[in-house]
Amino acid sequence: MVTLPLFISGTEIAFIIFIVIMVFGADKVPEIARGLGKGMRTLKDATNDIKSEITKSAEKQGIDLDLDVTKDIKKEIDKAKEDINDITGPIKRQF
């Protein structure tokens, strides 16, 4: 069974595709998919434009957008989770 990040199984995807074909017809599906693809591409381009504008503005203001800080924070959070699991592991097994 193939699971997507949204936790949709292959059977559910097949069912959705079946419903789309039943509602819109087989001849309209490629047109709809093309439209969705173009819309997603436009959204991605707009997101990238916004990110670049924020980065440019931050550089002009002298703000350093160091993404390593977020990586360090994520590492610390993961380490804390591991420590908690190490402590609570034996407790969970007893119940």
C-alpha atoms as a PDB file:
ATOM      1  CA  MET A   1       0.000   0.000   0.000  1.00  0.00           C
ATOM      2  CA  VAL A   2       1.417   3.390  -1.011  1.00  0.00           C
ATOM      3  CA  THR A   3       0.943   6.132   1.568  1.00  0.00           C
ATOM      4  CA  LEU A   4       1.383   9.787   0.694  1.00  0.00           C
ATOM      5  CA  PRO A   5       2.499  12.414   3.210  1.00  0.00           C
ATOM      6  CA  LEU A   6      -1.167  13.356   3.621  1.00  0.00           C
ATOM      7  CA  PHE A   7      -1.881   9.768   4.732  1.00  0.00           C
ATOM      8  CA  ILE A   8      -4.033   8.977   1.699  1.00  0.00           C
ATOM      9  CA  SER A   9      -3.792   5.348   0.640  1.00  0.00           C
ATOM     10  CA  GLY A  10      -3.635   4.096  -2.919  1.00  0.00           C
ATOM     11  CA  THR A  11      -7.197   2.809  -2.680  1.00  0.00           C
ATOM     12  CA  GLU A  12      -8.475   6.237  -1.671  1.00  0.00           C
ATOM     13  CA  ILE A  13      -6.609   7.881  -4.557  1.00  0.00           C
ATOM     14  CA  ALA A  14      -8.097   5.355  -6.990  1.00  0.00           C
ATOM     15  CA  PHE A  15     -11.574   6.060  -5.595  1.00  0.00           C
ATOM     16  CA  ILE A  16     -11.082   9.820  -5.988  1.00  0.00           C
ATOM     17  CA  ILE A  17      -9.892   9.354  -9.581  1.00  0.00           C
ATOM     18  CA  PHE A  18     -12.923   7.139 -10.284  1.00  0.00           C
ATOM     19  CA  ILE A  19     -15.296   9.792  -8.917  1.00  0.00           C
ATOM     20  CA  VAL A  20     -13.573  12.534 -10.960  1.00  0.00           C
ATOM     21  CA  ILE A  21     -13.936  10.471 -14.136  1.00  0.00           C
ATOM     22  CA  MET A  22     -17.589   9.773 -13.363  1.00  0.00           C
ATOM     23  CA  VAL A  23     -18.391  13.426 -12.671  1.00  0.00           C
ATOM     24  CA  PHE A  24     -16.392  15.169 -15.395  1.00  0.00           C
ATOM     25  CA  GLY A  25     -15.928  12.445 -18.006  1.00  0.00           C
ATOM     26  CA  ALA A  26     -12.722  10.924 -19.329  1.00  0.00           C
ATOM     27  CA  ASP A  27     -12.245  13.591 -21.999  1.00  0.00           C
ATOM     28  CA  LYS A  28     -12.214  16.465 -19.463  1.00  0.00           C
ATOM     29  CA  VAL A  29      -9.752  14.898 -16.979  1.00  0.00           C
ATOM     30  CA  PRO A  30      -6.542  15.875 -18.873  1.00  0.00           C
ATOM     31  CA  GLU A  31      -7.808  19.451 -19.212  1.00  0.00           C
ATOM     32  CA  ILE A  32      -8.606  19.621 -15.501  1.00  0.00           C
ATOM     33  CA  ALA A  33      -5.203  18.142 -14.608  1.00  0.00           C
ATOM     34  CA  ARG A  34      -3.458  20.692 -16.835  1.00  0.00           C
ATOM     35  CA  GLY A  35      -5.350  23.514 -15.157  1.00  0.00           C
ATOM     36  CA  LEU A  36      -4.484  22.213 -11.697  1.00  0.00           C
ATOM     37  CA  GLY A  37      -0.828  21.872 -12.713  1.00  0.00           C
ATOM     38  CA  LYS A  38      -0.716  25.437 -13.997  1.00  0.00           C
ATOM     39  CA  GLY A  39      -2.392  26.683 -10.828  1.00  0.00           C
ATOM     40  CA  MET A  40       0.066  24.841  -8.607  1.00  0.00           C
ATOM     41  CA  ARG A  41       2.982  26.183 -10.661  1.00  0.00           C
ATOM     42  CA  THR A  42       1.660  29.736 -10.341  1.00  0.00           C
ATOM     43  CA  LEU A  43       1.301  29.290  -6.584  1.00  0.00           C
ATOM     44  CA  LYS A  44       4.843  27.909  -6.303  1.00  0.00           C
ATOM     45  CA  ASP A  45       6.249  30.799  -8.362  1.00  0.00           C
ATOM     46  CA  ALA A  46       4.386  33.336  -6.225  1.00  0.00           C
ATOM     47  CA  THR A  47       5.717  31.693  -3.061  1.00  0.00           C
ATOM     48  CA  ASN A  48       9.277  31.800  -4.396  1.00  0.00           C
ATOM     49  CA  ASP A  49       8.843  35.475  -5.346  1.00  0.00           C
ATOM     50  CA  ILE A  50       7.648  36.296  -1.839  1.00  0.00           C
ATOM     51  CA  LYS A  51      10.582  34.426  -0.298  1.00  0.00           C
ATOM     52  CA  SER A  52      13.077  36.254  -2.502  1.00  0.00           C
ATOM     53  CA  GLU A  53      11.500  39.630  -1.695  1.00  0.00           C
ATOM     54  CA  ILE A  54      11.701  38.903   2.029  1.00  0.00           C
ATOM     55  CA  THR A  55      15.330  37.841   1.671  1.00  0.00           C
ATOM     56  CA  LYS A  56      16.221  40.953  -0.342  1.00  0.00           C
ATOM     57  CA  SER A  57      14.451  43.207   2.142  1.00  0.00           C
ATOM     58  CA  ALA A  58      16.202  41.540   5.068  1.00  0.00           C
ATOM     59  CA  GLU A  59      19.590  41.919   3.382  1.00  0.00           C
ATOM     60  CA  LYS A  60      18.926  45.626   2.778  1.00  0.00           C
ATOM     61  CA  GLN A  61      18.056  46.065   6.452  1.00  0.00           C
ATOM     62  CA  GLY A  62      21.149  44.152   7.520  1.00  0.00           C
ATOM     63  CA  ILE A  63      19.188  41.248   8.942  1.00  0.00           C
ATOM     64  CA  ASP A  64      20.862  37.884   8.542  1.00  0.00           C
ATOM     65  CA  LEU A  65      18.353  35.164   7.749  1.00  0.00           C
ATOM     66  CA  ASP A  66      20.509  32.351   9.057  1.00  0.00           C
ATOM     67  CA  LEU A  67      18.586  29.135   8.546  1.00  0.00           C
ATOM     68  CA  ASP A  68      21.159  27.172  10.535  1.00  0.00           C
ATOM     69  CA  VAL A  69      19.534  28.539  13.695  1.00  0.00           C
ATOM     70  CA  THR A  70      16.319  26.681  12.887  1.00  0.00           C
ATOM     71  CA  LYS A  71      18.291  23.518  12.197  1.00  0.00           C
ATOM     72  CA  ASP A  72      20.010  23.848  15.575  1.00  0.00           C
ATOM     73  CA  ILE A  73      16.655  24.355  17.292  1.00  0.00           C
ATOM     74  CA  LYS A  74      15.224  21.303  15.534  1.00  0.00           C
ATOM     75  CA  LYS A  75      18.229  19.225  16.650  1.00  0.00           C
ATOM     76  CA  GLU A  76      17.706  20.331  20.250  1.00  0.00           C
ATOM     77  CA  ILE A  77      14.001  19.508  20.099  1.00  0.00           C
ATOM     78  CA  ASP A  78      14.746  16.073  18.640  1.00  0.00           C
ATOM     79  CA  LYS A  79      17.332  15.480  21.359  1.00  0.00           C
ATOM     80  CA  ALA A  80      14.795  16.445  24.031  1.00  0.00           C
ATOM     81  CA  LYS A  81      12.237  14.078  22.508  1.00  0.00           C
ATOM     82  CA  GLU A  82      14.760  11.240  22.589  1.00  0.00           C
ATOM     83  CA  ASP A  83      15.596  11.999  26.230  1.00  0.00           C
ATOM     84  CA  ILE A  84      11.904  11.981  27.148  1.00  0.00           C
ATOM     85  CA  ASN A  85      11.386   8.698  25.296  1.00  0.00           C
ATOM     86  CA  ASP A  86      14.373   7.203  27.105  1.00  0.00           C
ATOM     87  CA  ILE A  87      12.896   8.220  30.463  1.00  0.00           C
ATOM     88  CA  THR A  88       9.271   7.297  29.755  1.00  0.00           C
ATOM     89  CA  GLY A  89      10.049   4.121  27.819  1.00  0.00           C
ATOM     90  CA  PRO A  90      10.274   1.843  30.876  1.00  0.00           C
ATOM     91  CA  ILE A  91       7.220   3.504  32.423  1.00  0.00           C
ATOM     92  CA  LYS A  92       5.098   2.862  29.344  1.00  0.00           C
ATOM     93  CA  ARG A  93       6.138  -0.793  29.241  1.00  0.00           C
ATOM     94  CA  GLN A  94       4.983  -1.435  32.817  1.00  0.00           C
ATOM     95  CA  PHE A  95       1.387  -0.442  32.125  1.00  0.00           C
END
